[in-house]
Amino acid sequence: MNADDIFLLATKCTVIAFHRETGTRLWQTPLKSGWTSTDFVSLISDTRKVFAYTKGEVFCLDLFTGALLWTDGLSGMGFGIASLALPGIPQAQVSASAEHLARLERARNDSNRQHTQSD
């Protein structure tokens, strides 16, 4: 199996890997437990590692096993939503969520322009 065979989902403080073609769940790794104001997980990966942020902590997982490689509690940084980036990764490998958000923003801008022109 290679990285192109894997689809990642992050929700409720958990990262789940699926086989992209069959939908078979490959692994599931809970990141944190306990209640806070959000269970949102920021997620990005390369061809070997998965990087996730939730509840004020960043995690690095093995892409193929879900094993925790390292974590950092980001002392003093709080619990807000975080952006993740991998410098040097080709644009084609940008996270699907970032591409989706960009499409939504373009559609919203187009819609606003149409309403402005028709007024």
Protein backbone atom coordinates (compact mmCIF):
# COMPACT_ATOMS: atom_id res chain seq x y z
CA MET A 1 0.00 0.00 0.00
CA ASN A 2 1.19 3.52 -0.68
CA ALA A 3 0.04 6.99 0.37
CA ASP A 4 -2.12 7.34 -2.77
CA ASP A 5 -4.30 4.48 -1.49
CA ILE A 6 -5.26 6.28 1.73
CA PHE A 7 -8.06 8.72 2.55
CA LEU A 8 -7.95 10.50 5.94
CA LEU A 9 -10.85 11.76 8.02
CA ALA A 10 -10.52 13.81 11.20
CA THR A 11 -13.49 14.25 13.52
CA LYS A 12 -14.31 14.24 17.22
CA CYS A 13 -10.63 14.35 18.26
CA THR A 14 -9.90 11.22 16.21
CA VAL A 15 -8.05 10.55 12.95
CA ILE A 16 -9.33 7.66 10.81
CA ALA A 17 -7.62 6.21 7.72
CA PHE A 18 -9.57 4.42 4.99
CA HIS A 19 -8.55 2.60 1.86
CA ARG A 20 -9.46 5.09 -0.86
CA GLU A 21 -10.96 2.54 -3.29
CA THR A 22 -12.68 0.06 -0.97
CA GLY A 23 -13.60 2.22 2.02
CA THR A 24 -12.05 -0.33 4.35
CA ARG A 25 -11.04 1.27 7.65
CA LEU A 26 -7.29 0.86 8.03
CA TRP A 27 -6.78 2.43 11.46
CA GLN A 28 -8.30 4.83 13.95
CA THR A 29 -6.32 6.92 16.43
CA PRO A 30 -7.98 8.97 19.19
CA LEU A 31 -5.97 12.14 19.83
CA LYS A 32 -7.40 13.52 23.06
CA SER A 33 -10.26 12.87 25.40
CA GLY A 34 -12.16 15.14 27.71
CA TRP A 35 -14.55 17.97 27.02
CA THR A 36 -13.66 21.35 25.56
CA SER A 37 -15.56 23.77 23.39
CA THR A 38 -14.70 21.94 20.16
CA ASP A 39 -13.83 18.51 18.82
CA PHE A 40 -12.56 19.99 15.54
CA VAL A 41 -9.32 18.52 14.17
CA SER A 42 -7.03 20.35 11.73
CA LEU A 43 -5.30 17.79 9.53
CA ILE A 44 -2.58 17.59 6.88
CA SER A 45 -0.34 14.79 5.69
CA ASP A 46 2.56 13.96 3.46
CA THR A 47 3.48 10.55 2.06
CA ARG A 48 4.68 9.19 5.43
CA LYS A 49 3.21 11.22 8.28
CA VAL A 50 -0.11 12.70 9.39
CA PHE A 51 -0.09 15.96 11.34
CA ALA A 52 -3.15 16.88 13.38
CA TYR A 53 -4.08 19.62 15.80
CA THR A 54 -6.92 19.59 18.30
CA LYS A 55 -7.62 21.03 21.73
CA GLY A 56 -4.35 22.95 21.95
CA GLU A 57 -2.04 20.08 21.02
CA VAL A 58 -0.28 18.99 17.82
CA PHE A 59 0.21 15.30 16.96
CA CYS A 60 2.32 13.40 14.43
CA LEU A 61 1.08 9.95 13.38
CA ASP A 62 2.45 7.30 11.06
CA LEU A 63 0.37 7.40 7.85
CA PHE A 64 0.31 3.61 7.45
CA THR A 65 -0.32 2.48 11.05
CA GLY A 66 -1.77 5.46 12.91
CA ALA A 67 0.89 5.04 15.58
CA LEU A 68 1.65 8.21 17.56
CA LEU A 69 5.18 9.37 16.67
CA TRP A 70 5.27 12.56 18.72
CA THR A 71 3.11 15.23 20.30
CA ASP A 72 3.55 18.78 21.58
CA GLY A 73 1.18 20.43 24.06
CA LEU A 74 1.97 23.92 22.71
CA SER A 75 2.18 25.36 26.19
CA GLY A 76 0.71 28.85 26.44
CA MET A 77 -0.89 28.81 22.97
CA GLY A 78 -4.51 28.20 24.00
CA PHE A 79 -7.17 26.06 22.35
CA GLY A 80 -8.16 27.87 19.12
CA ILE A 81 -8.42 26.39 15.64
CA ALA A 82 -5.00 26.04 13.98
CA SER A 83 -3.81 26.12 10.38
CA LEU A 84 -1.27 23.52 9.28
CA ALA A 85 1.19 23.69 6.37
CA LEU A 86 3.91 21.52 4.88
CA PRO A 87 6.43 23.76 3.08
CA GLY A 88 7.89 22.11 0.01
CA ILE A 89 4.88 19.90 -0.72
CA PRO A 90 3.67 20.36 -4.33
CA GLN A 91 0.45 22.35 -4.71
CA ALA A 92 -1.36 19.25 -6.00
CA GLN A 93 -1.09 17.73 -2.53
CA VAL A 94 -2.81 20.59 -0.70
CA SER A 95 -5.51 19.33 1.64
CA ALA A 96 -8.93 18.79 0.11
CA SER A 97 -10.52 20.99 2.76
CA ALA A 98 -8.42 23.99 1.71
CA GLU A 99 -9.37 23.45 -1.92
CA HIS A 100 -13.03 23.09 -0.96
CA LEU A 101 -12.94 26.32 1.08
CA ALA A 102 -11.38 28.16 -1.84
CA ARG A 103 -14.15 26.92 -4.17
CA LEU A 104 -16.81 28.03 -1.69
CA GLU A 105 -15.20 31.47 -1.40
CA ARG A 106 -15.10 31.86 -5.19
CA ALA A 107 -18.76 30.83 -5.48
CA ARG A 108 -19.75 33.29 -2.74
CA ASN A 109 -17.84 36.09 -4.46
CA ASP A 110 -19.45 35.25 -7.82
CA SER A 111 -22.88 35.25 -6.21
CA ASN A 112 -22.24 38.62 -4.54
CA ARG A 113 -21.10 40.10 -7.88
CA GLN A 114 -24.26 38.84 -9.62
CA HIS A 115 -26.50 40.37 -6.92
CA THR A 116 -24.61 43.67 -7.12
CA GLN A 117 -24.87 43.80 -10.93
CA SER A 118 -28.62 43.05 -10.90
CA ASP A 119 -29.40 45.79 -8.33
